[in-house]
PDB file of N, CA and C in Angstrom:
ATOM      1  N   MET A   1       4.421  -6.237  -9.924  1.00  0.00           N
ATOM      2  CA  MET A   1       3.504  -5.662 -10.829  1.00  0.00           C
ATOM      3  C   MET A   1       1.879  -6.898 -10.988  1.00  0.00           C
ATOM      4  N   SER A   2       1.065  -6.392 -11.080  1.00  0.00           N
ATOM      5  CA  SER A   2      -0.193  -6.866 -11.258  1.00  0.00           C
ATOM      6  C   SER A   2      -0.407  -7.446 -12.787  1.00  0.00           C
ATOM      7  N   ASP A   3      -1.336  -8.647 -12.860  1.00  0.00           N
ATOM      8  CA  ASP A   3      -1.253  -9.489 -14.334  1.00  0.00           C
ATOM      9  C   ASP A   3      -2.733  -8.329 -15.034  1.00  0.00           C
ATOM     10  N   ASP A   4      -2.925  -7.608 -14.433  1.00  0.00           N
ATOM     11  CA  ASP A   4      -4.349  -6.740 -15.322  1.00  0.00           C
ATOM     12  C   ASP A   4      -3.333  -5.831 -15.832  1.00  0.00           C
ATOM     13  N   LEU A   5      -2.192  -5.755 -16.209  1.00  0.00           N
ATOM     14  CA  LEU A   5      -1.647  -4.691 -17.342  1.00  0.00           C
ATOM     15  C   LEU A   5      -1.201  -5.761 -18.605  1.00  0.00           C
ATOM     16  N   LEU A   6      -0.814  -6.660 -18.180  1.00  0.00           N
ATOM     17  CA  LEU A   6      -0.193  -7.368 -18.981  1.00  0.00           C
ATOM     18  C   LEU A   6      -1.811  -8.192 -20.063  1.00  0.00           C
ATOM     19  N   ALA A   7      -2.802  -8.497 -19.397  1.00  0.00           N
ATOM     20  CA  ALA A   7      -3.558  -9.022 -20.074  1.00  0.00           C
ATOM     21  C   ALA A   7      -4.547  -7.833 -20.343  1.00  0.00           C
ATOM     22  N   ARG A   8      -4.191  -6.719 -20.367  1.00  0.00           N
ATOM     23  CA  ARG A   8      -4.785  -5.208 -20.823  1.00  0.00           C
ATOM     24  C   ARG A   8      -3.572  -5.264 -22.624  1.00  0.00           C
ATOM     25  N   ALA A   9      -2.217  -5.635 -22.279  1.00  0.00           N
ATOM     26  CA  ALA A   9      -1.490  -5.583 -23.579  1.00  0.00           C
ATOM     27  C   ALA A   9      -1.940  -6.020 -24.527  1.00  0.00           C
ATOM     28  N   GLN A  10      -2.236  -7.526 -23.534  1.00  0.00           N
ATOM     29  CA  GLN A  10      -3.093  -8.650 -24.702  1.00  0.00           C
ATOM     30  C   GLN A  10      -3.965  -8.388 -25.588  1.00  0.00           C
ATOM     31  N   ALA A  11      -4.699  -7.439 -25.148  1.00  0.00           N
ATOM     32  CA  ALA A  11      -5.826  -7.264 -25.567  1.00  0.00           C
ATOM     33  C   ALA A  11      -5.516  -5.864 -26.622  1.00  0.00           C
ATOM     34  N   ALA A  12      -4.514  -5.197 -26.542  1.00  0.00           N
ATOM     35  CA  ALA A  12      -4.800  -3.867 -26.876  1.00  0.00           C
ATOM     36  C   ALA A  12      -3.987  -4.329 -28.339  1.00  0.00           C
ATOM     37  N   ALA A  13      -3.259  -5.671 -28.286  1.00  0.00           N
ATOM     38  CA  ALA A  13      -1.977  -5.944 -29.587  1.00  0.00           C
ATOM     39  C   ALA A  13      -3.277  -5.865 -30.259  1.00  0.00           C
ATOM     40  N   GLU A  14      -4.293  -6.786 -29.913  1.00  0.00           N
ATOM     41  CA  GLU A  14      -5.454  -7.262 -31.065  1.00  0.00           C
ATOM     42  C   GLU A  14      -5.945  -6.273 -31.942  1.00  0.00           C
ATOM     43  N   ARG A  15      -5.461  -4.702 -31.662  1.00  0.00           N
ATOM     44  CA  ARG A  15      -5.821  -3.852 -31.976  1.00  0.00           C
ATOM     45  C   ARG A  15      -4.671  -3.006 -33.408  1.00  0.00           C
ATOM     46  N   ALA A  16      -3.790  -3.782 -32.878  1.00  0.00           N
ATOM     47  CA  ALA A  16      -2.215  -3.159 -33.617  1.00  0.00           C
ATOM     48  C   ALA A  16      -2.972  -2.931 -35.139  1.00  0.00           C
ATOM     49  N   TYR A  17      -1.750  -2.199 -35.576  1.00  0.00           N
ATOM     50  CA  TYR A  17      -2.072  -2.172 -37.317  1.00  0.00           C
ATOM     51  C   TYR A  17      -0.803  -2.428 -37.960  1.00  0.00           C
ATOM     52  N   ALA A  18      -0.903  -3.909 -38.060  1.00  0.00           N
ATOM     53  CA  ALA A  18       0.847  -4.099 -38.764  1.00  0.00           C
ATOM     54  C   ALA A  18       0.432  -5.042 -39.996  1.00  0.00           C
ATOM     55  N   PRO A  19       0.210  -4.484 -40.876  1.00  0.00           N
ATOM     56  CA  PRO A  19      -0.189  -5.642 -42.172  1.00  0.00           C
ATOM     57  C   PRO A  19       0.593  -5.909 -43.211  1.00  0.00           C
ATOM     58  N   TYR A  20       1.841  -5.412 -42.548  1.00  0.00           N
ATOM     59  CA  TYR A  20       3.326  -5.631 -43.426  1.00  0.00           C
ATOM     60  C   TYR A  20       3.636  -6.859 -42.625  1.00  0.00           C
ATOM     61  N   SER A  21       4.268  -6.205 -41.257  1.00  0.00           N
ATOM     62  CA  SER A  21       4.901  -7.355 -40.525  1.00  0.00           C
ATOM     63  C   SER A  21       3.335  -8.770 -39.776  1.00  0.00           C
ATOM     64  N   HIS A  22       2.522  -8.112 -39.676  1.00  0.00           N
ATOM     65  CA  HIS A  22       1.478  -8.779 -39.217  1.00  0.00           C
ATOM     66  C   HIS A  22       1.879  -9.576 -37.680  1.00  0.00           C
ATOM     67  N   TYR A  23       2.919  -8.534 -36.887  1.00  0.00           N
ATOM     68  CA  TYR A  23       3.301  -8.826 -35.996  1.00  0.00           C
ATOM     69  C   TYR A  23       2.782  -7.569 -35.018  1.00  0.00           C
ATOM     70  N   LEU A  24       1.547  -7.874 -33.923  1.00  0.00           N
ATOM     71  CA  LEU A  24       0.575  -7.495 -33.239  1.00  0.00           C
ATOM     72  C   LEU A  24       1.590  -7.058 -32.088  1.00  0.00           C
ATOM     73  N   VAL A  25       1.245  -6.454 -31.882  1.00  0.00           N
ATOM     74  CA  VAL A  25       2.202  -5.626 -30.291  1.00  0.00           C
ATOM     75  C   VAL A  25       1.362  -4.836 -29.297  1.00  0.00           C
ATOM     76  N   GLY A  26       1.117  -4.917 -28.324  1.00  0.00           N
ATOM     77  CA  GLY A  26       0.351  -3.836 -27.310  1.00  0.00           C
ATOM     78  C   GLY A  26       1.313  -4.061 -26.067  1.00  0.00           C
ATOM     79  N   ALA A  27       1.325  -2.778 -25.461  1.00  0.00           N
ATOM     80  CA  ALA A  27       1.636  -2.376 -24.644  1.00  0.00           C
ATOM     81  C   ALA A  27       0.455  -1.663 -23.777  1.00  0.00           C
ATOM     82  N   ALA A  28       0.619  -1.709 -21.904  1.00  0.00           N
ATOM     83  CA  ALA A  28      -0.469  -1.010 -21.020  1.00  0.00           C
ATOM     84  C   ALA A  28       0.290  -0.526 -19.952  1.00  0.00           C
ATOM     85  N   ILE A  29       0.551   0.570 -19.933  1.00  0.00           N
ATOM     86  CA  ILE A  29       1.396   1.806 -18.491  1.00  0.00           C
ATOM     87  C   ILE A  29       0.937   2.082 -17.650  1.00  0.00           C
ATOM     88  N   ARG A  30       1.130   1.864 -16.530  1.00  0.00           N
ATOM     89  CA  ARG A  30       0.011   2.391 -15.186  1.00  0.00           C
ATOM     90  C   ARG A  30       1.046   3.566 -14.837  1.00  0.00           C
ATOM     91  N   ALA A  31       0.183   4.589 -15.017  1.00  0.00           N
ATOM     92  CA  ALA A  31       0.765   6.447 -14.099  1.00  0.00           C
ATOM     93  C   ALA A  31       0.892   5.596 -12.537  1.00  0.00           C
ATOM     94  N   ARG A  32       1.113   6.862 -11.879  1.00  0.00           N
ATOM     95  CA  ARG A  32       1.147   6.694 -10.342  1.00  0.00           C
ATOM     96  C   ARG A  32       0.004   7.070  -9.817  1.00  0.00           C
ATOM     97  N   ASN A  33      -0.664   7.727 -10.824  1.00  0.00           N
ATOM     98  CA  ASN A  33      -1.987   7.963  -9.944  1.00  0.00           C
ATOM     99  C   ASN A  33      -3.199   7.112 -10.708  1.00  0.00           C
ATOM    100  N   GLY A  34      -2.757   5.919 -10.807  1.00  0.00           N
ATOM    101  CA  GLY A  34      -3.733   4.421 -11.314  1.00  0.00           C
ATOM    102  C   GLY A  34      -4.097   4.452 -12.136  1.00  0.00           C
ATOM    103  N   ARG A  35      -3.725   5.609 -13.395  1.00  0.00           N
ATOM    104  CA  ARG A  35      -4.810   5.727 -14.767  1.00  0.00           C
ATOM    105  C   ARG A  35      -3.372   4.637 -15.390  1.00  0.00           C
ATOM    106  N   VAL A  36      -4.795   4.035 -16.583  1.00  0.00           N
ATOM    107  CA  VAL A  36      -3.671   3.347 -17.305  1.00  0.00           C
ATOM    108  C   VAL A  36      -4.102   3.377 -18.706  1.00  0.00           C
ATOM    109  N   TYR A  37      -2.877   3.571 -19.396  1.00  0.00           N
ATOM    110  CA  TYR A  37      -2.466   4.018 -21.379  1.00  0.00           C
ATOM    111  C   TYR A  37      -2.509   2.887 -21.916  1.00  0.00           C
ATOM    112  N   GLU A  38      -2.637   2.610 -22.788  1.00  0.00           N
ATOM    113  CA  GLU A  38      -2.641   1.588 -23.864  1.00  0.00           C
ATOM    114  C   GLU A  38      -2.473   1.910 -24.751  1.00  0.00           C
ATOM    115  N   GLY A  39      -1.035   0.876 -25.594  1.00  0.00           N
ATOM    116  CA  GLY A  39      -0.620   1.743 -27.027  1.00  0.00           C
ATOM    117  C   GLY A  39      -0.463   0.331 -27.624  1.00  0.00           C
ATOM    118  N   VAL A  40      -0.463   0.386 -29.271  1.00  0.00           N
ATOM    119  CA  VAL A  40      -0.302  -0.656 -29.873  1.00  0.00           C
ATOM    120  C   VAL A  40       1.138   0.093 -31.052  1.00  0.00           C
ATOM    121  N   ASN A  41       1.434  -1.101 -31.931  1.00  0.00           N
ATOM    122  CA  ASN A  41       2.257  -0.431 -32.618  1.00  0.00           C
ATOM    123  C   ASN A  41       1.564  -0.334 -33.605  1.00  0.00           C
ATOM    124  N   VAL A  42       2.070   0.726 -34.330  1.00  0.00           N
ATOM    125  CA  VAL A  42       1.629   1.231 -36.267  1.00  0.00           C
ATOM    126  C   VAL A  42       2.415   1.490 -37.411  1.00  0.00           C
ATOM    127  N   GLU A  43       2.411   0.323 -38.086  1.00  0.00           N
ATOM    128  CA  GLU A  43       3.043   0.029 -39.246  1.00  0.00           C
ATOM    129  C   GLU A  43       2.719   1.054 -40.188  1.00  0.00           C
ATOM    130  N   ASN A  44       3.413   1.445 -41.395  1.00  0.00           N
ATOM    131  CA  ASN A  44       3.785   2.590 -42.341  1.00  0.00           C
ATOM    132  C   ASN A  44       4.338   1.953 -43.111  1.00  0.00           C
ATOM    133  N   ALA A  45       3.639   2.267 -44.431  1.00  0.00           N
ATOM    134  CA  ALA A  45       4.429   1.672 -45.759  1.00  0.00           C
ATOM    135  C   ALA A  45       5.846   2.241 -45.896  1.00  0.00           C
ATOM    136  N   ALA A  46       6.000   2.914 -46.049  1.00  0.00           N
ATOM    137  CA  ALA A  46       7.759   4.424 -45.599  1.00  0.00           C
ATOM    138  C   ALA A  46       7.998   3.334 -44.148  1.00  0.00           C
ATOM    139  N   TYR A  47       8.559   1.825 -44.101  1.00  0.00           N
ATOM    140  CA  TYR A  47       8.496   1.388 -43.019  1.00  0.00           C
ATOM    141  C   TYR A  47       9.557   1.932 -41.503  1.00  0.00           C
ATOM    142  N   PRO A  48      10.601   2.910 -42.051  1.00  0.00           N
ATOM    143  CA  PRO A  48      10.841   3.616 -40.423  1.00  0.00           C
ATOM    144  C   PRO A  48       9.823   4.495 -39.919  1.00  0.00           C
ATOM    145  N   LEU A  49       8.789   4.638 -40.584  1.00  0.00           N
ATOM    146  CA  LEU A  49       7.523   5.594 -39.990  1.00  0.00           C
ATOM    147  C   LEU A  49       6.629   5.138 -39.212  1.00  0.00           C
ATOM    148  N   GLY A  50       6.924   3.883 -38.840  1.00  0.00           N
ATOM    149  CA  GLY A  50       5.909   2.901 -38.371  1.00  0.00           C
ATOM    150  C   GLY A  50       6.404   3.424 -36.587  1.00  0.00           C
ATOM    151  N   ILE A  51       5.878   2.823 -35.570  1.00  0.00           N
ATOM    152  CA  ILE A  51       5.718   3.317 -33.912  1.00  0.00           C
ATOM    153  C   ILE A  51       5.141   2.138 -33.303  1.00  0.00           C
ATOM    154  N   CYS A  52       6.280   2.123 -31.932  1.00  0.00           N
ATOM    155  CA  CYS A  52       6.105   0.769 -31.209  1.00  0.00           C
ATOM    156  C   CYS A  52       5.166   1.163 -30.545  1.00  0.00           C
ATOM    157  N   ALA A  53       4.755   0.081 -30.019  1.00  0.00           N
ATOM    158  CA  ALA A  53       3.363   0.010 -28.438  1.00  0.00           C
ATOM    159  C   ALA A  53       3.578   0.881 -27.193  1.00  0.00           C
ATOM    160  N   GLU A  54       5.022   0.224 -26.985  1.00  0.00           N
ATOM    161  CA  GLU A  54       5.680   1.148 -26.135  1.00  0.00           C
ATOM    162  C   GLU A  54       5.575   2.762 -26.042  1.00  0.00           C
ATOM    163  N   ARG A  55       5.840   2.897 -27.102  1.00  0.00           N
ATOM    164  CA  ARG A  55       6.091   4.623 -27.578  1.00  0.00           C
ATOM    165  C   ARG A  55       4.565   5.101 -27.857  1.00  0.00           C
ATOM    166  N   THR A  56       3.481   4.629 -28.550  1.00  0.00           N
ATOM    167  CA  THR A  56       2.087   4.906 -28.653  1.00  0.00           C
ATOM    168  C   THR A  56       1.795   5.470 -27.223  1.00  0.00           C
ATOM    169  N   ALA A  57       2.252   3.977 -26.072  1.00  0.00           N
ATOM    170  CA  ALA A  57       1.269   4.242 -24.665  1.00  0.00           C
ATOM    171  C   ALA A  57       2.023   5.248 -23.861  1.00  0.00           C
ATOM    172  N   ILE A  58       3.510   5.495 -24.431  1.00  0.00           N
ATOM    173  CA  ILE A  58       4.242   6.479 -23.292  1.00  0.00           C
ATOM    174  C   ILE A  58       3.218   8.014 -23.961  1.00  0.00           C
ATOM    175  N   ALA A  59       3.734   7.805 -25.542  1.00  0.00           N
ATOM    176  CA  ALA A  59       2.831   8.969 -25.767  1.00  0.00           C
ATOM    177  C   ALA A  59       1.295   9.421 -25.483  1.00  0.00           C
ATOM    178  N   SER A  60       0.360   8.966 -25.485  1.00  0.00           N
ATOM    179  CA  SER A  60      -1.065   8.550 -25.042  1.00  0.00           C
ATOM    180  C   SER A  60      -0.862   9.626 -23.258  1.00  0.00           C
ATOM    181  N   ALA A  61       0.116   8.726 -22.705  1.00  0.00           N
ATOM    182  CA  ALA A  61       0.438   9.381 -21.144  1.00  0.00           C
ATOM    183  C   ALA A  61       0.614  10.896 -21.293  1.00  0.00           C
ATOM    184  N   VAL A  62       1.771  11.097 -22.051  1.00  0.00           N
ATOM    185  CA  VAL A  62       1.870  12.516 -22.228  1.00  0.00           C
ATOM    186  C   VAL A  62       1.484  13.620 -22.328  1.00  0.00           C
ATOM    187  N   VAL A  63       0.350  12.816 -23.350  1.00  0.00           N
ATOM    188  CA  VAL A  63      -1.306  13.729 -23.984  1.00  0.00           C
ATOM    189  C   VAL A  63      -2.085  14.358 -22.722  1.00  0.00           C
ATOM    190  N   ASP A  64      -1.859  13.018 -21.962  1.00  0.00           N
ATOM    191  CA  ASP A  64      -2.639  13.569 -20.831  1.00  0.00           C
ATOM    192  C   ASP A  64      -2.034  14.417 -19.708  1.00  0.00           C
ATOM    193  N   GLY A  65      -0.778  14.657 -19.546  1.00  0.00           N
ATOM    194  CA  GLY A  65       0.079  15.458 -19.172  1.00  0.00           C
ATOM    195  C   GLY A  65       0.818  15.027 -18.023  1.00  0.00           C
ATOM    196  N   CYS A  66       1.050  13.327 -18.342  1.00  0.00           N
ATOM    197  CA  CYS A  66       2.780  12.971 -17.880  1.00  0.00           C
ATOM    198  C   CYS A  66       3.673  13.200 -18.094  1.00  0.00           C
ATOM    199  N   ARG A  67       4.510  13.052 -17.278  1.00  0.00           N
ATOM    200  CA  ARG A  67       5.940  13.757 -17.463  1.00  0.00           C
ATOM    201  C   ARG A  67       7.013  12.626 -17.046  1.00  0.00           C
ATOM    202  N   PRO A  68       8.634  12.452 -17.179  1.00  0.00           N
ATOM    203  CA  PRO A  68       9.266  11.601 -16.816  1.00  0.00           C
ATOM    204  C   PRO A  68       8.681  11.337 -15.169  1.00  0.00           C
ATOM    205  N   GLY A  69       8.598  10.025 -14.955  1.00  0.00           N
ATOM    206  CA  GLY A  69       8.873  10.043 -13.067  1.00  0.00           C
ATOM    207  C   GLY A  69       7.200  10.116 -12.647  1.00  0.00           C
ATOM    208  N   ASP A  70       6.203  10.142 -13.767  1.00  0.00           N
ATOM    209  CA  ASP A  70       4.899   9.778 -13.270  1.00  0.00           C
ATOM    210  C   ASP A  70       3.882   8.668 -13.988  1.00  0.00           C
ATOM    211  N   LEU A  71       5.040   7.562 -14.668  1.00  0.00           N
ATOM    212  CA  LEU A  71       5.005   6.753 -14.969  1.00  0.00           C
ATOM    213  C   LEU A  71       5.401   5.266 -14.395  1.00  0.00           C
ATOM    214  N   ILE A  72       4.737   4.431 -13.878  1.00  0.00           N
ATOM    215  CA  ILE A  72       5.241   3.273 -12.864  1.00  0.00           C
ATOM    216  C   ILE A  72       5.517   2.175 -13.399  1.00  0.00           C
ATOM    217  N   GLU A  73       5.128   1.023 -13.854  1.00  0.00           N
ATOM    218  CA  GLU A  73       5.258   0.125 -15.069  1.00  0.00           C
ATOM    219  C   GLU A  73       4.539  -0.077 -16.080  1.00  0.00           C
ATOM    220  N   ILE A  74       5.175  -0.913 -16.390  1.00  0.00           N
ATOM    221  CA  ILE A  74       4.517  -1.272 -18.097  1.00  0.00           C
ATOM    222  C   ILE A  74       4.562  -2.864 -18.038  1.00  0.00           C
ATOM    223  N   ALA A  75       3.871  -3.084 -19.513  1.00  0.00           N
ATOM    224  CA  ALA A  75       3.411  -4.475 -19.782  1.00  0.00           C
ATOM    225  C   ALA A  75       3.199  -4.289 -21.272  1.00  0.00           C
ATOM    226  N   ILE A  76       4.545  -5.334 -21.861  1.00  0.00           N
ATOM    227  CA  ILE A  76       4.124  -5.002 -23.311  1.00  0.00           C
ATOM    228  C   ILE A  76       3.984  -7.055 -23.911  1.00  0.00           C
ATOM    229  N   THR A  77       3.467  -6.971 -24.756  1.00  0.00           N
ATOM    230  CA  THR A  77       3.400  -8.053 -25.159  1.00  0.00           C
ATOM    231  C   THR A  77       4.606  -8.823 -25.670  1.00  0.00           C
ATOM    232  N   ALA A  78       5.830  -8.269 -25.906  1.00  0.00           N
ATOM    233  CA  ALA A  78       7.159  -8.196 -26.793  1.00  0.00           C
ATOM    234  C   ALA A  78       8.728  -8.058 -26.314  1.00  0.00           C
ATOM    235  N   SER A  79       9.742  -8.094 -25.783  1.00  0.00           N
ATOM    236  CA  SER A  79      10.279  -7.333 -25.653  1.00  0.00           C
ATOM    237  C   SER A  79      10.814  -6.035 -26.161  1.00  0.00           C
ATOM    238  N   PRO A  80      10.998  -5.288 -25.474  1.00  0.00           N
ATOM    239  CA  PRO A  80      10.728  -4.516 -26.048  1.00  0.00           C
ATOM    240  C   PRO A  80      12.672  -3.648 -27.051  1.00  0.00           C
ATOM    241  N   CYS A  81      11.868  -3.013 -28.151  1.00  0.00           N
ATOM    242  CA  CYS A  81      13.483  -2.713 -29.015  1.00  0.00           C
ATOM    243  C   CYS A  81      14.605  -1.947 -28.088  1.00  0.00           C
ATOM    244  N   GLY A  82      15.735  -1.551 -28.681  1.00  0.00           N
ATOM    245  CA  GLY A  82      16.368  -0.525 -28.519  1.00  0.00           C
ATOM    246  C   GLY A  82      15.945   0.638 -28.367  1.00  0.00           C
ATOM    247  N   GLY A  83      15.625   1.371 -29.517  1.00  0.00           N
ATOM    248  CA  GLY A  83      14.935   2.510 -29.093  1.00  0.00           C
ATOM    249  C   GLY A  83      13.887   2.778 -27.773  1.00  0.00           C
ATOM    250  N   CYS A  84      12.487   1.736 -27.506  1.00  0.00           N
ATOM    251  CA  CYS A  84      11.657   1.792 -27.048  1.00  0.00           C
ATOM    252  C   CYS A  84      12.600   1.661 -25.257  1.00  0.00           C
ATOM    253  N   ARG A  85      13.735   0.935 -25.708  1.00  0.00           N
ATOM    254  CA  ARG A  85      14.529   0.843 -23.934  1.00  0.00           C
ATOM    255  C   ARG A  85      15.091   2.023 -23.573  1.00  0.00           C
ATOM    256  N   GLN A  86      15.271   2.844 -24.257  1.00  0.00           N
ATOM    257  CA  GLN A  86      15.976   4.452 -24.300  1.00  0.00           C
ATOM    258  C   GLN A  86      14.370   5.100 -23.717  1.00  0.00           C
ATOM    259  N   TRP A  87      13.234   5.121 -23.806  1.00  0.00           N
ATOM    260  CA  TRP A  87      11.957   5.797 -23.918  1.00  0.00           C
ATOM    261  C   TRP A  87      11.839   5.778 -22.284  1.00  0.00           C
ATOM    262  N   LEU A  88      11.858   4.357 -21.996  1.00  0.00           N
ATOM    263  CA  LEU A  88      11.526   3.811 -20.850  1.00  0.00           C
ATOM    264  C   LEU A  88      12.325   4.293 -20.071  1.00  0.00           C
ATOM    265  N   HIS A  89      13.360   4.138 -20.032  1.00  0.00           N
ATOM    266  CA  HIS A  89      14.315   4.831 -19.073  1.00  0.00           C
ATOM    267  C   HIS A  89      14.027   6.395 -18.812  1.00  0.00           C
ATOM    268  N   GLU A  90      14.360   7.048 -19.918  1.00  0.00           N
ATOM    269  CA  GLU A  90      13.684   8.189 -19.815  1.00  0.00           C
ATOM    270  C   GLU A  90      12.514   8.506 -19.417  1.00  0.00           C
ATOM    271  N   PHE A  91      11.471   8.238 -19.790  1.00  0.00           N
ATOM    272  CA  PHE A  91      10.429   8.370 -18.464  1.00  0.00           C
ATOM    273  C   PHE A  91      10.298   7.395 -17.012  1.00  0.00           C
ATOM    274  N   ARG A  92      11.581   7.599 -16.992  1.00  0.00           N
ATOM    275  CA  ARG A  92      11.566   6.999 -15.374  1.00  0.00           C
ATOM    276  C   ARG A  92      10.926   5.852 -15.055  1.00  0.00           C
ATOM    277  N   LEU A  93      10.379   4.636 -15.866  1.00  0.00           N
ATOM    278  CA  LEU A  93       9.566   3.116 -14.890  1.00  0.00           C
ATOM    279  C   LEU A  93      10.568   2.831 -14.251  1.00  0.00           C
ATOM    280  N   GLU A  94       9.556   1.996 -13.390  1.00  0.00           N
ATOM    281  CA  GLU A  94       9.861   1.276 -12.017  1.00  0.00           C
ATOM    282  C   GLU A  94      10.415  -0.124 -12.799  1.00  0.00           C
ATOM    283  N   GLN A  95       9.454  -0.767 -13.697  1.00  0.00           N
ATOM    284  CA  GLN A  95       9.081  -2.032 -13.943  1.00  0.00           C
ATOM    285  C   GLN A  95       8.925  -2.346 -15.538  1.00  0.00           C
ATOM    286  N   VAL A  96       9.559  -3.251 -15.742  1.00  0.00           N
ATOM    287  CA  VAL A  96       9.329  -3.898 -17.164  1.00  0.00           C
ATOM    288  C   VAL A  96       8.713  -5.173 -17.517  1.00  0.00           C
ATOM    289  N   ARG A  97       7.964  -5.485 -17.988  1.00  0.00           N
ATOM    290  CA  ARG A  97       7.063  -6.900 -17.960  1.00  0.00           C
ATOM    291  C   ARG A  97       7.142  -7.397 -19.078  1.00  0.00           C
ATOM    292  N   PHE A  98       7.401  -8.408 -19.585  1.00  0.00           N
ATOM    293  CA  PHE A  98       6.943  -8.951 -20.921  1.00  0.00           C
ATOM    294  C   PHE A  98       7.566 -10.710 -21.201  1.00  0.00           C
ATOM    295  N   PRO A  99       6.629 -11.034 -21.953  1.00  0.00           N
ATOM    296  CA  PRO A  99       7.248 -12.969 -21.831  1.00  0.00           C
ATOM    297  C   PRO A  99       8.592 -12.829 -22.862  1.00  0.00           C
ATOM    298  N   LYS A 100       8.548 -13.651 -22.729  1.00  0.00           N
ATOM    299  CA  LYS A 100      10.066 -13.497 -23.645  1.00  0.00           C
ATOM    300  C   LYS A 100       9.832 -15.078 -24.440  1.00  0.00           C
ATOM    301  N   ALA A 101      10.708 -15.393 -25.492  1.00  0.00           N
ATOM    302  CA  ALA A 101      10.337 -16.145 -26.540  1.00  0.00           C
ATOM    303  C   ALA A 101       9.328 -17.806 -25.674  1.00  0.00           C
ATOM    304  N   ASP A 102      10.109 -18.002 -24.855  1.00  0.00           N
ATOM    305  CA  ASP A 102       9.537 -19.246 -24.524  1.00  0.00           C
ATOM    306  C   ASP A 102       8.322 -19.465 -23.896  1.00  0.00           C
ATOM    307  N   GLY A 103       8.182 -17.885 -23.120  1.00  0.00           N
ATOM    308  CA  GLY A 103       6.473 -17.386 -22.772  1.00  0.00           C
ATOM    309  C   GLY A 103       6.678 -17.302 -21.347  1.00  0.00           C
ATOM    310  N   GLU A 104       7.793 -17.347 -20.627  1.00  0.00           N
ATOM    311  CA  GLU A 104       8.356 -17.261 -19.055  1.00  0.00           C
ATOM    312  C   GLU A 104       8.240 -15.354 -19.023  1.00  0.00           C
ATOM    313  N   VAL A 105       7.008 -15.101 -18.325  1.00  0.00           N
ATOM    314  CA  VAL A 105       7.239 -14.062 -18.183  1.00  0.00           C
ATOM    315  C   VAL A 105       7.915 -12.835 -17.394  1.00  0.00           C
ATOM    316  N   VAL A 106       8.695 -12.196 -17.556  1.00  0.00           N
ATOM    317  CA  VAL A 106       9.820 -11.577 -16.951  1.00  0.00           C
ATOM    318  C   VAL A 106       9.664  -9.796 -16.679  1.00  0.00           C
ATOM    319  N   SER A 107      10.470  -9.463 -15.564  1.00  0.00           N
ATOM    320  CA  SER A 107      10.338  -8.700 -15.344  1.00  0.00           C
ATOM    321  C   SER A 107      11.927  -7.811 -15.037  1.00  0.00           C
ATOM    322  N   TYR A 108      11.716  -6.647 -15.403  1.00  0.00           N
ATOM    323  CA  TYR A 108      13.172  -5.881 -15.398  1.00  0.00           C
ATOM    324  C   TYR A 108      12.904  -4.398 -15.171  1.00  0.00           C
ATOM    325  N   THR A 109      14.178  -3.783 -14.715  1.00  0.00           N
ATOM    326  CA  THR A 109      14.228  -2.568 -14.410  1.00  0.00           C
ATOM    327  C   THR A 109      14.204  -1.663 -15.821  1.00  0.00           C
ATOM    328  N   PRO A 110      13.889  -0.717 -16.515  1.00  0.00           N
ATOM    329  CA  PRO A 110      15.175  -0.020 -17.625  1.00  0.00           C
ATOM    330  C   PRO A 110      16.690  -0.179 -17.482  1.00  0.00           C
ATOM    331  N   ALA A 111      17.186   0.338 -16.495  1.00  0.00           N
ATOM    332  CA  ALA A 111      18.588   0.059 -16.052  1.00  0.00           C
ATOM    333  C   ALA A 111      19.274  -1.442 -16.315  1.00  0.00           C
ATOM    334  N   GLU A 112      18.298  -2.446 -16.264  1.00  0.00           N
ATOM    335  CA  GLU A 112      18.863  -3.981 -16.535  1.00  0.00           C
ATOM    336  C   GLU A 112      18.481  -4.127 -17.737  1.00  0.00           C
ATOM    337  N   LEU A 113      17.669  -3.498 -18.528  1.00  0.00           N
ATOM    338  CA  LEU A 113      17.213  -3.516 -20.379  1.00  0.00           C
ATOM    339  C   LEU A 113      18.304  -2.867 -20.775  1.00  0.00           C
ATOM    340  N   LEU A 114      18.791  -2.087 -20.252  1.00  0.00           N
ATOM    341  CA  LEU A 114      19.567  -0.954 -20.858  1.00  0.00           C
ATOM    342  C   LEU A 114      20.895  -0.473 -20.310  1.00  0.00           C
ATOM    343  N   PRO A 115      21.448  -0.983 -19.865  1.00  0.00           N
ATOM    344  CA  PRO A 115      22.715  -0.313 -18.832  1.00  0.00           C
ATOM    345  C   PRO A 115      23.490   0.997 -18.858  1.00  0.00           C
ATOM    346  N   GLU A 116      23.590   0.883 -20.521  1.00  0.00           N
ATOM    347  CA  GLU A 116      24.683   2.353 -20.590  1.00  0.00           C
ATOM    348  C   GLU A 116      23.576   3.125 -21.659  1.00  0.00           C
ATOM    349  N   THR A 117      22.890   4.016 -20.796  1.00  0.00           N
ATOM    350  CA  THR A 117      22.073   4.451 -21.229  1.00  0.00           C
ATOM    351  C   THR A 117      22.362   6.001 -21.445  1.00  0.00           C
ATOM    352  N   TRP A 118      21.522   6.732 -22.488  1.00  0.00           N
ATOM    353  CA  TRP A 118      21.854   7.702 -22.742  1.00  0.00           C
ATOM    354  C   TRP A 118      21.612   9.188 -22.136  1.00  0.00           C
ATOM    355  N   ASP A 119      22.219   9.951 -21.625  1.00  0.00           N
ATOM    356  CA  ASP A 119      20.817  11.076 -20.723  1.00  0.00           C
ATOM    357  C   ASP A 119      21.860  12.247 -21.117  1.00  0.00           C
ATOM    358  N   LEU A 120      21.078  13.264 -21.506  1.00  0.00           N
ATOM    359  CA  LEU A 120      21.529  14.459 -21.271  1.00  0.00           C
ATOM    360  C   LEU A 120      22.029  15.306 -20.331  1.00  0.00           C
ATOM    361  N   PRO A 121      23.541  15.873 -20.306  1.00  0.00           N
ATOM    362  CA  PRO A 121      24.026  16.286 -19.706  1.00  0.00           C
ATOM    363  C   PRO A 121      23.658  16.808 -18.638  1.00  0.00           C
ATOM    364  N   GLY A 122      23.911  17.578 -17.194  1.00  0.00           N
ATOM    365  CA  GLY A 122      23.317  18.308 -16.120  1.00  0.00           C
ATOM    366  C   GLY A 122      22.923  17.522 -15.331  1.00  0.00           C
TER     367      GLY A 122
END
């Protein structure tokens, strides 16, 4: 995974809408066709209605026509939450990169981040 995705995620984080937590998160996701989609966390006063950066990036890719298997890799400025880990698994990303609390940048597969995933039968 190239460092450009993490740089784009960091730049995107500056545009996040987090007036309650002040915790700005950005994500950048690369599709197989080379296109990059960015996302940020967006909070809401009705706290459960906020959305994570990973999901806004994936949703942007879906609006552009991407489906599971079309997205290769994602860089996030924070470790993904459990719900986002399921999204990353469902969209079959190959690599997930983010800085740990100590600043070390790590890369995992969605299966490593969420080993017991939930899949539809079939």
